[in-house]
Amino acid sequence: MQQVTDRWTSYRSPENGEFLNARPHWAKEWQGLVVRGKPIESYLRKSAYKDERKEFVKVLEGVVKKRGVSLEETRKRFGNPLLERLFFQ
């Protein structure tokens, strides 16, 4: 798995040579892998989903408020340790 990850995270843009924003499929097994020298969870938080994380939490909070519950309630009911680390730390 690590060799495949190393391969698909090595691709660069032909226009500017920068790494492409590689992201794993959420339903696939990827925990414990390393991307460009970083643990994958750190890579996802700080690189791949750096800006999207904030927007996701903002939109999620709006959705649950419309349903009459708080974000905290929703996190307690549907959250898990991985989602907490990726979106709320």
PDB file of N, CA and C in Angstrom:
ATOM      1  N   MET A   1       0.832  -1.197   0.000  1.00  0.00           N
ATOM      2  CA  MET A   1       0.000   0.000   0.000  1.00  0.00           C
ATOM      3  C   MET A   1       0.874   1.257   0.000  1.00  0.00           C
ATOM      4  N   GLN A   2       1.961   1.216   0.760  1.00  0.00           N
ATOM      5  CA  GLN A   2       2.820   2.394   0.823  1.00  0.00           C
ATOM      6  C   GLN A   2       3.460   2.675  -0.528  1.00  0.00           C
ATOM      7  N   GLN A   3       3.842   1.641  -1.254  1.00  0.00           N
ATOM      8  CA  GLN A   3       4.446   1.849  -2.570  1.00  0.00           C
ATOM      9  C   GLN A   3       3.457   2.493  -3.537  1.00  0.00           C
ATOM     10  N   VAL A   4       2.212   2.067  -3.502  1.00  0.00           N
ATOM     11  CA  VAL A   4       1.188   2.669  -4.353  1.00  0.00           C
ATOM     12  C   VAL A   4       0.976   4.126  -3.953  1.00  0.00           C
ATOM     13  N   THR A   5       0.910   4.373  -2.646  1.00  0.00           N
ATOM     14  CA  THR A   5       0.743   5.745  -2.142  1.00  0.00           C
ATOM     15  C   THR A   5       1.906   6.623  -2.586  1.00  0.00           C
ATOM     16  N   ASP A   6       3.112   6.106  -2.474  1.00  0.00           N
ATOM     17  CA  ASP A   6       4.281   6.880  -2.906  1.00  0.00           C
ATOM     18  C   ASP A   6       4.182   7.239  -4.386  1.00  0.00           C
ATOM     19  N   ARG A   7       3.673   6.321  -5.155  1.00  0.00           N
ATOM     20  CA  ARG A   7       3.566   6.557  -6.603  1.00  0.00           C
ATOM     21  C   ARG A   7       2.529   7.634  -6.915  1.00  0.00           C
ATOM     22  N   TRP A   8       1.287   7.476  -6.376  1.00  0.00           N
ATOM     23  CA  TRP A   8       0.249   8.440  -6.757  1.00  0.00           C
ATOM     24  C   TRP A   8       0.408   9.786  -6.090  1.00  0.00           C
ATOM     25  N   THR A   9       1.228   9.888  -5.049  1.00  0.00           N
ATOM     26  CA  THR A   9       1.480  11.205  -4.457  1.00  0.00           C
ATOM     27  C   THR A   9       2.742  11.848  -5.017  1.00  0.00           C
ATOM     28  N   SER A  10       3.378  11.183  -5.997  1.00  0.00           N
ATOM     29  CA  SER A  10       4.582  11.751  -6.607  1.00  0.00           C
ATOM     30  C   SER A  10       4.266  12.541  -7.872  1.00  0.00           C
ATOM     31  N   TYR A  11       3.028  12.452  -8.349  1.00  0.00           N
ATOM     32  CA  TYR A  11       2.671  13.137  -9.591  1.00  0.00           C
ATOM     33  C   TYR A  11       2.699  14.650  -9.419  1.00  0.00           C
ATOM     34  N   ARG A  12       3.173  15.310 -10.466  1.00  0.00           N
ATOM     35  CA  ARG A  12       3.300  16.772 -10.441  1.00  0.00           C
ATOM     36  C   ARG A  12       2.541  17.382 -11.615  1.00  0.00           C
ATOM     37  N   SER A  13       2.161  18.623 -11.447  1.00  0.00           N
ATOM     38  CA  SER A  13       1.482  19.362 -12.509  1.00  0.00           C
ATOM     39  C   SER A  13       2.451  19.597 -13.665  1.00  0.00           C
ATOM     40  N   PRO A  14       2.026  19.318 -14.895  1.00  0.00           N
ATOM     41  CA  PRO A  14       2.912  19.601 -16.037  1.00  0.00           C
ATOM     42  C   PRO A  14       3.097  21.100 -16.267  1.00  0.00           C
ATOM     43  N   GLU A  15       2.159  21.900 -15.777  1.00  0.00           N
ATOM     44  CA  GLU A  15       2.250  23.351 -15.991  1.00  0.00           C
ATOM     45  C   GLU A  15       3.286  24.018 -15.084  1.00  0.00           C
ATOM     46  N   ASN A  16       3.286  23.650 -13.784  1.00  0.00           N
ATOM     47  CA  ASN A  16       4.162  24.360 -12.860  1.00  0.00           C
ATOM     48  C   ASN A  16       5.085  23.461 -12.045  1.00  0.00           C
ATOM     49  N   GLY A  17       4.985  22.160 -12.219  1.00  0.00           N
ATOM     50  CA  GLY A  17       5.873  21.239 -11.513  1.00  0.00           C
ATOM     51  C   GLY A  17       5.533  20.988 -10.056  1.00  0.00           C
ATOM     52  N   GLU A  18       4.463  21.621  -9.571  1.00  0.00           N
ATOM     53  CA  GLU A  18       4.077  21.420  -8.176  1.00  0.00           C
ATOM     54  C   GLU A  18       3.363  20.077  -8.023  1.00  0.00           C
ATOM     55  N   PHE A  19       3.486  19.503  -6.814  1.00  0.00           N
ATOM     56  CA  PHE A  19       2.777  18.258  -6.550  1.00  0.00           C
ATOM     57  C   PHE A  19       1.283  18.470  -6.708  1.00  0.00           C
ATOM     58  N   LEU A  20       0.602  17.461  -7.260  1.00  0.00           N
ATOM     59  CA  LEU A  20      -0.852  17.497  -7.321  1.00  0.00           C
ATOM     60  C   LEU A  20      -1.402  17.261  -5.922  1.00  0.00           C
ATOM     61  N   ASN A  21      -2.594  17.750  -5.676  1.00  0.00           N
ATOM     62  CA  ASN A  21      -3.217  17.613  -4.360  1.00  0.00           C
ATOM     63  C   ASN A  21      -3.857  16.226  -4.246  1.00  0.00           C
ATOM     64  N   ALA A  22      -3.024  15.230  -4.026  1.00  0.00           N
ATOM     65  CA  ALA A  22      -3.479  13.838  -3.954  1.00  0.00           C
ATOM     66  C   ALA A  22      -4.255  13.608  -2.671  1.00  0.00           C
ATOM     67  N   ARG A  23      -5.388  12.919  -2.810  1.00  0.00           N
ATOM     68  CA  ARG A  23      -6.247  12.629  -1.658  1.00  0.00           C
ATOM     69  C   ARG A  23      -6.735  11.189  -1.768  1.00  0.00           C
ATOM     70  N   PRO A  24      -6.703  10.456  -0.669  1.00  0.00           N
ATOM     71  CA  PRO A  24      -7.174   9.072  -0.726  1.00  0.00           C
ATOM     72  C   PRO A  24      -8.694   9.007  -0.788  1.00  0.00           C
ATOM     73  N   HIS A  25      -9.196   7.924  -1.293  1.00  0.00           N
ATOM     74  CA  HIS A  25     -10.628   7.660  -1.269  1.00  0.00           C
ATOM     75  C   HIS A  25     -11.001   7.361   0.185  1.00  0.00           C
ATOM     76  N   TRP A  26     -12.032   8.007   0.690  1.00  0.00           N
ATOM     77  CA  TRP A  26     -12.389   7.869   2.106  1.00  0.00           C
ATOM     78  C   TRP A  26     -12.721   6.436   2.501  1.00  0.00           C
ATOM     79  N   ALA A  27     -13.275   5.663   1.581  1.00  0.00           N
ATOM     80  CA  ALA A  27     -13.691   4.304   1.919  1.00  0.00           C
ATOM     81  C   ALA A  27     -12.554   3.286   1.789  1.00  0.00           C
ATOM     82  N   LYS A  28     -11.406   3.711   1.356  1.00  0.00           N
ATOM     83  CA  LYS A  28     -10.282   2.795   1.192  1.00  0.00           C
ATOM     84  C   LYS A  28      -9.433   2.764   2.459  1.00  0.00           C
ATOM     85  N   GLU A  29      -8.589   1.775   2.543  1.00  0.00           N
ATOM     86  CA  GLU A  29      -7.703   1.635   3.701  1.00  0.00           C
ATOM     87  C   GLU A  29      -6.459   2.491   3.481  1.00  0.00           C
ATOM     88  N   TRP A  30      -6.278   3.526   4.285  1.00  0.00           N
ATOM     89  CA  TRP A  30      -5.140   4.422   4.116  1.00  0.00           C
ATOM     90  C   TRP A  30      -4.505   4.837   5.441  1.00  0.00           C
ATOM     91  N   GLN A  31      -5.125   4.509   6.542  1.00  0.00           N
ATOM     92  CA  GLN A  31      -4.570   4.915   7.832  1.00  0.00           C
ATOM     93  C   GLN A  31      -3.209   4.260   8.048  1.00  0.00           C
ATOM     94  N   GLY A  32      -2.291   5.017   8.602  1.00  0.00           N
ATOM     95  CA  GLY A  32      -0.952   4.519   8.874  1.00  0.00           C
ATOM     96  C   GLY A  32       0.040   4.754   7.749  1.00  0.00           C
ATOM     97  N   LEU A  33      -0.417   5.243   6.599  1.00  0.00           N
ATOM     98  CA  LEU A  33       0.491   5.498   5.489  1.00  0.00           C
ATOM     99  C   LEU A  33       1.213   6.828   5.677  1.00  0.00           C
ATOM    100  N   VAL A  34       2.220   7.039   4.862  1.00  0.00           N
ATOM    101  CA  VAL A  34       3.035   8.258   4.903  1.00  0.00           C
ATOM    102  C   VAL A  34       2.966   8.915   3.529  1.00  0.00           C
ATOM    103  N   VAL A  35       2.804  10.239   3.511  1.00  0.00           N
ATOM    104  CA  VAL A  35       2.773  10.991   2.252  1.00  0.00           C
ATOM    105  C   VAL A  35       3.855  12.058   2.317  1.00  0.00           C
ATOM    106  N   ARG A  36       4.821  11.926   1.417  1.00  0.00           N
ATOM    107  CA  ARG A  36       5.934  12.894   1.332  1.00  0.00           C
ATOM    108  C   ARG A  36       6.571  13.150   2.693  1.00  0.00           C
ATOM    109  N   GLY A  37       6.784  12.072   3.437  1.00  0.00           N
ATOM    110  CA  GLY A  37       7.475  12.160   4.724  1.00  0.00           C
ATOM    111  C   GLY A  37       6.602  12.503   5.916  1.00  0.00           C
ATOM    112  N   LYS A  38       5.302  12.724   5.698  1.00  0.00           N
ATOM    113  CA  LYS A  38       4.385  13.066   6.795  1.00  0.00           C
ATOM    114  C   LYS A  38       3.400  11.917   7.011  1.00  0.00           C
ATOM    115  N   PRO A  39       3.023  11.655   8.259  1.00  0.00           N
ATOM    116  CA  PRO A  39       1.922  10.703   8.464  1.00  0.00           C
ATOM    117  C   PRO A  39       0.696  11.205   7.696  1.00  0.00           C
ATOM    118  N   ILE A  40      -0.040  10.300   7.107  1.00  0.00           N
ATOM    119  CA  ILE A  40      -1.132  10.699   6.210  1.00  0.00           C
ATOM    120  C   ILE A  40      -2.165  11.592   6.902  1.00  0.00           C
ATOM    121  N   GLU A  41      -2.455  11.354   8.170  1.00  0.00           N
ATOM    122  CA  GLU A  41      -3.427  12.223   8.851  1.00  0.00           C
ATOM    123  C   GLU A  41      -2.919  13.659   8.917  1.00  0.00           C
ATOM    124  N   SER A  42      -1.660  13.830   9.185  1.00  0.00           N
ATOM    125  CA  SER A  42      -1.073  15.173   9.209  1.00  0.00           C
ATOM    126  C   SER A  42      -1.108  15.792   7.813  1.00  0.00           C
ATOM    127  N   TYR A  43      -0.766  14.992   6.802  1.00  0.00           N
ATOM    128  CA  TYR A  43      -0.818  15.468   5.426  1.00  0.00           C
ATOM    129  C   TYR A  43      -2.232  15.926   5.053  1.00  0.00           C
ATOM    130  N   LEU A  44      -3.245  15.144   5.431  1.00  0.00           N
ATOM    131  CA  LEU A  44      -4.623  15.510   5.105  1.00  0.00           C
ATOM    132  C   LEU A  44      -5.035  16.804   5.808  1.00  0.00           C
ATOM    133  N   ARG A  45      -4.690  16.928   7.085  1.00  0.00           N
ATOM    134  CA  ARG A  45      -5.056  18.133   7.847  1.00  0.00           C
ATOM    135  C   ARG A  45      -4.339  19.374   7.353  1.00  0.00           C
ATOM    136  N   LYS A  46      -3.039  19.250   7.140  1.00  0.00           N
ATOM    137  CA  LYS A  46      -2.210  20.430   6.888  1.00  0.00           C
ATOM    138  C   LYS A  46      -1.970  20.745   5.413  1.00  0.00           C
ATOM    139  N   SER A  47      -2.254  19.791   4.538  1.00  0.00           N
ATOM    140  CA  SER A  47      -1.996  20.020   3.117  1.00  0.00           C
ATOM    141  C   SER A  47      -3.232  19.756   2.257  1.00  0.00           C
ATOM    142  N   ALA A  48      -3.625  18.508   2.145  1.00  0.00           N
ATOM    143  CA  ALA A  48      -4.669  18.113   1.194  1.00  0.00           C
ATOM    144  C   ALA A  48      -6.008  18.793   1.460  1.00  0.00           C
ATOM    145  N   TYR A  49      -6.372  18.911   2.731  1.00  0.00           N
ATOM    146  CA  TYR A  49      -7.667  19.515   3.079  1.00  0.00           C
ATOM    147  C   TYR A  49      -7.488  20.743   3.974  1.00  0.00           C
ATOM    148  N   LYS A  50      -6.375  21.408   3.833  1.00  0.00           N
ATOM    149  CA  LYS A  50      -6.050  22.551   4.693  1.00  0.00           C
ATOM    150  C   LYS A  50      -7.185  23.580   4.762  1.00  0.00           C
ATOM    151  N   ASP A  51      -7.637  24.044   3.625  1.00  0.00           N
ATOM    152  CA  ASP A  51      -8.685  25.072   3.593  1.00  0.00           C
ATOM    153  C   ASP A  51     -10.081  24.472   3.682  1.00  0.00           C
ATOM    154  N   GLU A  52     -10.262  23.301   3.112  1.00  0.00           N
ATOM    155  CA  GLU A  52     -11.585  22.677   3.067  1.00  0.00           C
ATOM    156  C   GLU A  52     -12.083  22.262   4.445  1.00  0.00           C
ATOM    157  N   ARG A  53     -11.186  21.944   5.353  1.00  0.00           N
ATOM    158  CA  ARG A  53     -11.591  21.521   6.698  1.00  0.00           C
ATOM    159  C   ARG A  53     -12.438  22.595   7.374  1.00  0.00           C
ATOM    160  N   LYS A  54     -11.986  23.819   7.323  1.00  0.00           N
ATOM    161  CA  LYS A  54     -12.719  24.923   7.957  1.00  0.00           C
ATOM    162  C   LYS A  54     -14.099  25.094   7.319  1.00  0.00           C
ATOM    163  N   GLU A  55     -14.128  25.055   6.003  1.00  0.00           N
ATOM    164  CA  GLU A  55     -15.393  25.209   5.280  1.00  0.00           C
ATOM    165  C   GLU A  55     -16.340  24.057   5.600  1.00  0.00           C
ATOM    166  N   PHE A  56     -15.818  22.830   5.669  1.00  0.00           N
ATOM    167  CA  PHE A  56     -16.636  21.664   5.995  1.00  0.00           C
ATOM    168  C   PHE A  56     -17.303  21.830   7.360  1.00  0.00           C
ATOM    169  N   VAL A  57     -16.538  22.218   8.357  1.00  0.00           N
ATOM    170  CA  VAL A  57     -17.079  22.378   9.709  1.00  0.00           C
ATOM    171  C   VAL A  57     -18.136  23.482   9.722  1.00  0.00           C
ATOM    172  N   LYS A  58     -17.882  24.566   9.014  1.00  0.00           N
ATOM    173  CA  LYS A  58     -18.838  25.677   8.952  1.00  0.00           C
ATOM    174  C   LYS A  58     -20.155  25.225   8.323  1.00  0.00           C
ATOM    175  N   VAL A  59     -20.078  24.525   7.196  1.00  0.00           N
ATOM    176  CA  VAL A  59     -21.283  24.050   6.516  1.00  0.00           C
ATOM    177  C   VAL A  59     -21.999  23.005   7.367  1.00  0.00           C
ATOM    178  N   LEU A  60     -21.259  22.089   7.953  1.00  0.00           N
ATOM    179  CA  LEU A  60     -21.854  21.068   8.807  1.00  0.00           C
ATOM    180  C   LEU A  60     -22.600  21.702   9.978  1.00  0.00           C
ATOM    181  N   GLU A  61     -22.001  22.697  10.581  1.00  0.00           N
ATOM    182  CA  GLU A  61     -22.658  23.386  11.698  1.00  0.00           C
ATOM    183  C   GLU A  61     -23.967  24.030  11.247  1.00  0.00           C
ATOM    184  N   GLY A  62     -23.983  24.641  10.074  1.00  0.00           N
ATOM    185  CA  GLY A  62     -25.206  25.227   9.546  1.00  0.00           C
ATOM    186  C   GLY A  62     -26.284  24.186   9.290  1.00  0.00           C
ATOM    187  N   VAL A  63     -25.884  23.045   8.762  1.00  0.00           N
ATOM    188  CA  VAL A  63     -26.842  21.969   8.469  1.00  0.00           C
ATOM    189  C   VAL A  63     -27.470  21.449   9.754  1.00  0.00           C
ATOM    190  N   VAL A  64     -26.649  21.154  10.752  1.00  0.00           N
ATOM    191  CA  VAL A  64     -27.214  20.571  11.978  1.00  0.00           C
ATOM    192  C   VAL A  64     -28.046  21.592  12.752  1.00  0.00           C
ATOM    193  N   LYS A  65     -27.681  22.852  12.691  1.00  0.00           N
ATOM    194  CA  LYS A  65     -28.491  23.879  13.356  1.00  0.00           C
ATOM    195  C   LYS A  65     -29.892  23.949  12.740  1.00  0.00           C
ATOM    196  N   LYS A  66     -29.966  23.828  11.406  1.00  0.00           N
ATOM    197  CA  LYS A  66     -31.266  23.825  10.740  1.00  0.00           C
ATOM    198  C   LYS A  66     -32.106  22.633  11.173  1.00  0.00           C
ATOM    199  N   ARG A  67     -31.462  21.569  11.577  1.00  0.00           N
ATOM    200  CA  ARG A  67     -32.166  20.367  12.038  1.00  0.00           C
ATOM    201  C   ARG A  67     -32.494  20.442  13.533  1.00  0.00           C
ATOM    202  N   GLY A  68     -32.080  21.538  14.187  1.00  0.00           N
ATOM    203  CA  GLY A  68     -32.429  21.734  15.587  1.00  0.00           C
ATOM    204  C   GLY A  68     -31.488  21.102  16.596  1.00  0.00           C
ATOM    205  N   VAL A  69     -30.282  20.759  16.159  1.00  0.00           N
ATOM    206  CA  VAL A  69     -29.298  20.200  17.089  1.00  0.00           C
ATOM    207  C   VAL A  69     -27.995  20.982  16.971  1.00  0.00           C
ATOM    208  N   SER A  70     -27.117  20.763  17.911  1.00  0.00           N
ATOM    209  CA  SER A  70     -25.839  21.472  17.896  1.00  0.00           C
ATOM    210  C   SER A  70     -24.766  20.605  17.233  1.00  0.00           C
ATOM    211  N   LEU A  71     -23.695  21.246  16.848  1.00  0.00           N
ATOM    212  CA  LEU A  71     -22.565  20.523  16.284  1.00  0.00           C
ATOM    213  C   LEU A  71     -21.976  19.573  17.324  1.00  0.00           C
ATOM    214  N   GLU A  72     -21.935  20.000  18.563  1.00  0.00           N
ATOM    215  CA  GLU A  72     -21.392  19.153  19.629  1.00  0.00           C
ATOM    216  C   GLU A  72     -22.221  17.875  19.797  1.00  0.00           C
ATOM    217  N   GLU A  73     -23.542  18.020  19.781  1.00  0.00           N
ATOM    218  CA  GLU A  73     -24.409  16.838  19.868  1.00  0.00           C
ATOM    219  C   GLU A  73     -24.153  15.884  18.709  1.00  0.00           C
ATOM    220  N   THR A  74     -24.050  16.443  17.534  1.00  0.00           N
ATOM    221  CA  THR A  74     -23.832  15.648  16.333  1.00  0.00           C
ATOM    222  C   THR A  74     -22.494  14.921  16.405  1.00  0.00           C
ATOM    223  N   ARG A  75     -21.471  15.610  16.859  1.00  0.00           N
ATOM    224  CA  ARG A  75     -20.153  14.984  16.988  1.00  0.00           C
ATOM    225  C   ARG A  75     -20.181  13.835  17.994  1.00  0.00           C
ATOM    226  N   LYS A  76     -20.886  14.034  19.099  1.00  0.00           N
ATOM    227  CA  LYS A  76     -20.978  12.962  20.104  1.00  0.00           C
ATOM    228  C   LYS A  76     -21.709  11.748  19.549  1.00  0.00           C
ATOM    229  N   ARG A  77     -22.747  11.979  18.776  1.00  0.00           N
ATOM    230  CA  ARG A  77     -23.568  10.877  18.274  1.00  0.00           C
ATOM    231  C   ARG A  77     -22.926  10.175  17.077  1.00  0.00           C
ATOM    232  N   PHE A  78     -22.393  10.931  16.131  1.00  0.00           N
ATOM    233  CA  PHE A  78     -21.929  10.341  14.877  1.00  0.00           C
ATOM    234  C   PHE A  78     -20.416  10.379  14.681  1.00  0.00           C
ATOM    235  N   GLY A  79     -19.721  11.071  15.545  1.00  0.00           N
ATOM    236  CA  GLY A  79     -18.286  11.217  15.374  1.00  0.00           C
ATOM    237  C   GLY A  79     -17.517   9.959  15.739  1.00  0.00           C
ATOM    238  N   ASN A  80     -16.260   9.977  15.390  1.00  0.00           N
ATOM    239  CA  ASN A  80     -15.357   8.909  15.782  1.00  0.00           C
ATOM    240  C   ASN A  80     -13.967   9.524  15.946  1.00  0.00           C
ATOM    241  N   PRO A  81     -13.041   8.811  16.544  1.00  0.00           N
ATOM    242  CA  PRO A  81     -11.718   9.394  16.783  1.00  0.00           C
ATOM    243  C   PRO A  81     -11.021   9.923  15.531  1.00  0.00           C
ATOM    244  N   LEU A  82     -11.159   9.228  14.410  1.00  0.00           N
ATOM    245  CA  LEU A  82     -10.510   9.695  13.180  1.00  0.00           C
ATOM    246  C   LEU A  82     -11.092  11.030  12.724  1.00  0.00           C
ATOM    247  N   LEU A  83     -12.404  11.147  12.672  1.00  0.00           N
ATOM    248  CA  LEU A  83     -13.014  12.413  12.254  1.00  0.00           C
ATOM    249  C   LEU A  83     -12.659  13.545  13.209  1.00  0.00           C
ATOM    250  N   GLU A  84     -12.596  13.256  14.482  1.00  0.00           N
ATOM    251  CA  GLU A  84     -12.193  14.273  15.456  1.00  0.00           C
ATOM    252  C   GLU A  84     -10.782  14.768  15.162  1.00  0.00           C
ATOM    253  N   ARG A  85      -9.869  13.832  14.895  1.00  0.00           N
ATOM    254  CA  ARG A  85      -8.481  14.237  14.607  1.00  0.00           C
ATOM    255  C   ARG A  85      -8.391  15.018  13.301  1.00  0.00           C
ATOM    256  N   LEU A  86      -9.117  14.599  12.285  1.00  0.00           N
ATOM    257  CA  LEU A  86      -8.988  15.251  10.980  1.00  0.00           C
ATOM    258  C   LEU A  86      -9.671  16.607  10.903  1.00  0.00           C
ATOM    259  N   PHE A  87     -10.840  16.754  11.525  1.00  0.00           N
ATOM    260  CA  PHE A  87     -11.617  17.975  11.332  1.00  0.00           C
ATOM    261  C   PHE A  87     -11.678  18.909  12.531  1.00  0.00           C
ATOM    262  N   PHE A  88     -11.462  18.405  13.724  1.00  0.00           N
ATOM    263  CA  PHE A  88     -11.703  19.250  14.892  1.00  0.00           C
ATOM    264  C   PHE A  88     -10.475  19.503  15.763  1.00  0.00           C
ATOM    265  N   GLN A  89      -9.341  18.979  15.402  1.00  0.00           N
ATOM    266  CA  GLN A  89      -8.121  19.275  16.167  1.00  0.00           C
ATOM    267  C   GLN A  89      -7.421  20.481  15.580  1.00  0.00           C
TER     268      GLN A  89
END
